[in-house]
């Protein structure tokens, strides 16, 4: 089978992956792949909060990721 994706390469990478957060994300993606969109399983309150945050970001409100990361580095790494 010709594929742009090298499945064996991905399998090999996952086998040695030591990033727990990434493994949890991959597991979640696997679980959701056959069960539809995770959005459908979110509580309405969570959906409203996400939509509100997206709207605020589109309106230029909030703190850019770069700024948050700078503040975290200053606070916790120095």
N, C-alpha and C. Protein backbone atom coordinates (compact mmCIF):
# COMPACT_ATOMS: atom_id res chain seq x y z
N UNK A 1 0.85 -1.18 0.00
CA UNK A 1 0.00 0.00 0.00
C UNK A 1 0.89 1.24 0.00
N UNK A 2 0.69 2.12 -0.95
CA UNK A 2 1.42 3.38 -1.00
C UNK A 2 0.68 4.40 -0.16
N UNK A 3 1.44 5.05 0.71
CA UNK A 3 0.84 6.04 1.58
C UNK A 3 1.86 7.13 1.86
N UNK A 4 1.36 8.35 1.97
CA UNK A 4 2.23 9.45 2.33
C UNK A 4 2.70 9.26 3.77
N UNK A 5 1.87 8.65 4.59
CA UNK A 5 2.18 8.42 5.98
C UNK A 5 2.92 7.10 6.13
N UNK A 6 4.05 7.14 6.80
CA UNK A 6 4.80 5.92 7.08
C UNK A 6 4.34 5.41 8.45
N UNK A 7 3.41 4.47 8.43
CA UNK A 7 2.82 3.97 9.67
C UNK A 7 3.87 3.34 10.58
N UNK A 8 4.78 2.60 10.01
CA UNK A 8 5.80 1.95 10.84
C UNK A 8 6.68 2.99 11.53
N UNK A 9 6.98 4.07 10.83
CA UNK A 9 7.76 5.13 11.44
C UNK A 9 7.02 5.73 12.63
N UNK A 10 5.71 5.93 12.48
CA UNK A 10 4.90 6.45 13.58
C UNK A 10 4.87 5.47 14.74
N UNK A 11 4.71 4.19 14.44
CA UNK A 11 4.69 3.16 15.49
C UNK A 11 6.01 3.16 16.25
N UNK A 12 7.11 3.20 15.52
CA UNK A 12 8.42 3.21 16.16
C UNK A 12 8.60 4.44 17.05
N UNK A 13 8.12 5.58 16.57
CA UNK A 13 8.23 6.81 17.34
C UNK A 13 7.40 6.73 18.62
N UNK A 14 6.18 6.22 18.52
CA UNK A 14 5.31 6.10 19.68
C UNK A 14 5.90 5.15 20.71
N UNK A 15 6.52 4.08 20.25
CA UNK A 15 7.10 3.10 21.17
C UNK A 15 8.17 3.70 22.06
N UNK A 16 8.90 4.70 21.59
CA UNK A 16 9.97 5.29 22.41
C UNK A 16 9.58 6.65 22.98
N UNK A 17 8.38 7.09 22.70
CA UNK A 17 7.91 8.39 23.18
C UNK A 17 7.84 8.40 24.70
N UNK A 18 8.41 9.45 25.29
CA UNK A 18 8.46 9.55 26.75
C UNK A 18 7.71 10.79 27.26
N UNK A 19 6.83 11.32 26.45
CA UNK A 19 6.09 12.52 26.80
C UNK A 19 4.66 12.10 27.16
N UNK A 20 4.38 12.06 28.45
CA UNK A 20 3.09 11.56 28.93
C UNK A 20 1.92 12.37 28.39
N UNK A 21 2.07 13.69 28.33
CA UNK A 21 0.99 14.53 27.83
C UNK A 21 0.69 14.23 26.36
N UNK A 22 1.74 14.03 25.59
CA UNK A 22 1.54 13.71 24.18
C UNK A 22 0.91 12.33 24.02
N UNK A 23 1.31 11.38 24.84
CA UNK A 23 0.70 10.05 24.79
C UNK A 23 -0.78 10.11 25.12
N UNK A 24 -1.14 10.91 26.12
CA UNK A 24 -2.55 11.07 26.48
C UNK A 24 -3.31 11.69 25.32
N UNK A 25 -2.71 12.67 24.66
CA UNK A 25 -3.34 13.30 23.50
C UNK A 25 -3.56 12.30 22.38
N UNK A 26 -2.54 11.50 22.11
CA UNK A 26 -2.66 10.48 21.06
C UNK A 26 -3.75 9.47 21.41
N UNK A 27 -3.81 9.06 22.67
CA UNK A 27 -4.84 8.11 23.11
C UNK A 27 -6.23 8.72 22.91
N UNK A 28 -6.35 9.99 23.26
CA UNK A 28 -7.63 10.68 23.09
C UNK A 28 -8.02 10.76 21.62
N UNK A 29 -7.04 11.05 20.77
CA UNK A 29 -7.31 11.10 19.33
C UNK A 29 -7.76 9.74 18.82
N UNK A 30 -7.12 8.69 19.29
CA UNK A 30 -7.49 7.33 18.89
C UNK A 30 -8.93 7.03 19.32
N UNK A 31 -9.23 7.35 20.56
CA UNK A 31 -10.57 7.08 21.08
C UNK A 31 -11.65 7.86 20.33
N UNK A 32 -11.32 9.07 19.95
CA UNK A 32 -12.29 9.92 19.26
C UNK A 32 -12.40 9.62 17.78
N UNK A 33 -11.39 8.98 17.22
CA UNK A 33 -11.39 8.71 15.78
C UNK A 33 -12.58 7.87 15.36
N UNK A 34 -12.99 6.97 16.20
CA UNK A 34 -14.09 6.09 15.83
C UNK A 34 -15.41 6.53 16.43
N UNK A 35 -15.34 7.47 17.35
CA UNK A 35 -16.56 7.83 18.07
C UNK A 35 -17.11 9.20 17.75
N UNK A 36 -16.64 9.82 16.72
CA UNK A 36 -17.15 11.14 16.38
C UNK A 36 -16.31 12.24 16.99
N UNK A 37 -16.85 13.40 17.00
CA UNK A 37 -16.15 14.59 17.44
C UNK A 37 -16.26 14.74 18.95
N UNK A 38 -15.13 15.05 19.61
CA UNK A 38 -15.15 15.24 21.06
C UNK A 38 -16.07 16.39 21.45
N UNK A 39 -16.25 17.35 20.55
CA UNK A 39 -17.08 18.51 20.84
C UNK A 39 -18.48 18.08 21.28
N UNK A 40 -18.98 17.03 20.66
CA UNK A 40 -20.33 16.56 20.99
C UNK A 40 -20.43 16.04 22.42
N UNK A 41 -19.30 15.64 23.00
CA UNK A 41 -19.30 15.09 24.35
C UNK A 41 -19.05 16.14 25.43
N UNK A 42 -18.69 17.36 25.03
CA UNK A 42 -18.41 18.40 26.01
C UNK A 42 -19.70 18.91 26.63
N UNK A 43 -19.64 19.25 27.92
CA UNK A 43 -20.80 19.88 28.54
C UNK A 43 -21.08 21.24 27.88
N UNK A 44 -22.32 21.65 27.87
CA UNK A 44 -22.70 22.91 27.25
C UNK A 44 -21.92 24.08 27.84
N UNK A 45 -21.67 24.05 29.13
CA UNK A 45 -20.91 25.11 29.80
C UNK A 45 -19.50 25.23 29.21
N UNK A 46 -18.86 24.11 28.93
CA UNK A 46 -17.52 24.10 28.35
C UNK A 46 -17.56 24.66 26.92
N UNK A 47 -18.57 24.27 26.16
CA UNK A 47 -18.70 24.78 24.79
C UNK A 47 -18.86 26.30 24.79
N UNK A 48 -19.68 26.80 25.72
CA UNK A 48 -19.89 28.24 25.79
C UNK A 48 -18.60 28.97 26.17
N UNK A 49 -17.84 28.41 27.09
CA UNK A 49 -16.57 29.02 27.51
C UNK A 49 -15.57 29.04 26.35
N UNK A 50 -15.51 27.96 25.60
CA UNK A 50 -14.59 27.89 24.45
C UNK A 50 -15.01 28.90 23.39
N UNK A 51 -16.28 28.96 23.09
CA UNK A 51 -16.76 29.91 22.09
C UNK A 51 -16.52 31.35 22.52
N UNK A 52 -16.68 31.62 23.81
CA UNK A 52 -16.42 32.97 24.33
C UNK A 52 -14.94 33.31 24.18
N UNK A 53 -14.06 32.37 24.51
CA UNK A 53 -12.62 32.59 24.40
C UNK A 53 -12.22 32.81 22.94
N UNK A 54 -12.79 32.03 22.03
CA UNK A 54 -12.49 32.20 20.61
C UNK A 54 -12.90 33.59 20.14
N UNK A 55 -14.08 34.04 20.55
CA UNK A 55 -14.57 35.36 20.16
C UNK A 55 -13.66 36.45 20.71
N UNK A 56 -13.25 36.31 21.97
CA UNK A 56 -12.36 37.30 22.56
C UNK A 56 -11.02 37.34 21.82
N UNK A 57 -10.49 36.19 21.46
CA UNK A 57 -9.23 36.13 20.72
C UNK A 57 -9.39 36.80 19.35
N UNK A 58 -10.50 36.54 18.68
CA UNK A 58 -10.76 37.16 17.37
C UNK A 58 -10.87 38.68 17.49
N UNK A 59 -11.35 39.15 18.65
CA UNK A 59 -11.51 40.59 18.87
C UNK A 59 -10.24 41.24 19.40
N UNK A 60 -9.17 40.46 19.50
CA UNK A 60 -7.88 40.99 19.95
C UNK A 60 -7.77 41.12 21.46
N UNK A 61 -8.67 40.52 22.19
CA UNK A 61 -8.61 40.56 23.64
C UNK A 61 -7.77 39.38 24.13
N UNK A 62 -7.40 39.43 25.37
CA UNK A 62 -6.63 38.33 25.94
C UNK A 62 -5.13 38.62 25.88
N UNK A 63 -4.36 37.62 26.24
CA UNK A 63 -2.91 37.73 26.30
C UNK A 63 -2.32 36.78 25.27
N UNK A 64 -1.48 37.29 24.37
CA UNK A 64 -0.86 36.41 23.38
C UNK A 64 -0.02 35.31 24.03
N UNK A 65 0.02 34.16 23.39
CA UNK A 65 0.78 33.01 23.90
C UNK A 65 2.22 33.39 24.21
N UNK A 66 2.85 34.15 23.31
CA UNK A 66 4.23 34.57 23.51
C UNK A 66 4.40 35.31 24.83
N UNK A 67 3.47 36.20 25.14
CA UNK A 67 3.54 36.99 26.37
C UNK A 67 3.35 36.09 27.60
N UNK A 68 2.42 35.19 27.54
CA UNK A 68 2.19 34.26 28.65
C UNK A 68 3.45 33.44 28.91
N UNK A 69 4.06 32.95 27.83
CA UNK A 69 5.27 32.14 27.99
C UNK A 69 6.41 32.95 28.59
N UNK A 70 6.55 34.21 28.19
CA UNK A 70 7.57 35.08 28.77
C UNK A 70 7.34 35.23 30.27
N UNK A 71 6.10 35.47 30.65
CA UNK A 71 5.78 35.65 32.07
C UNK A 71 6.03 34.37 32.87
N UNK A 72 5.72 33.22 32.29
CA UNK A 72 5.95 31.95 32.98
C UNK A 72 7.44 31.68 33.15
N UNK A 73 8.21 31.99 32.11
CA UNK A 73 9.67 31.80 32.22
C UNK A 73 10.24 32.69 33.31
N UNK A 74 9.82 33.96 33.32
CA UNK A 74 10.31 34.90 34.33
C UNK A 74 9.90 34.46 35.74
N UNK A 75 8.70 33.97 35.86
CA UNK A 75 8.18 33.61 37.18
C UNK A 75 8.77 32.31 37.72
N UNK A 76 8.92 31.30 36.84
CA UNK A 76 9.29 29.99 37.32
C UNK A 76 10.70 29.54 36.99
N UNK A 77 11.35 30.17 36.01
CA UNK A 77 12.66 29.69 35.61
C UNK A 77 13.80 30.61 36.03
N UNK A 78 13.51 31.78 36.51
CA UNK A 78 14.58 32.70 36.91
C UNK A 78 14.65 32.86 38.39
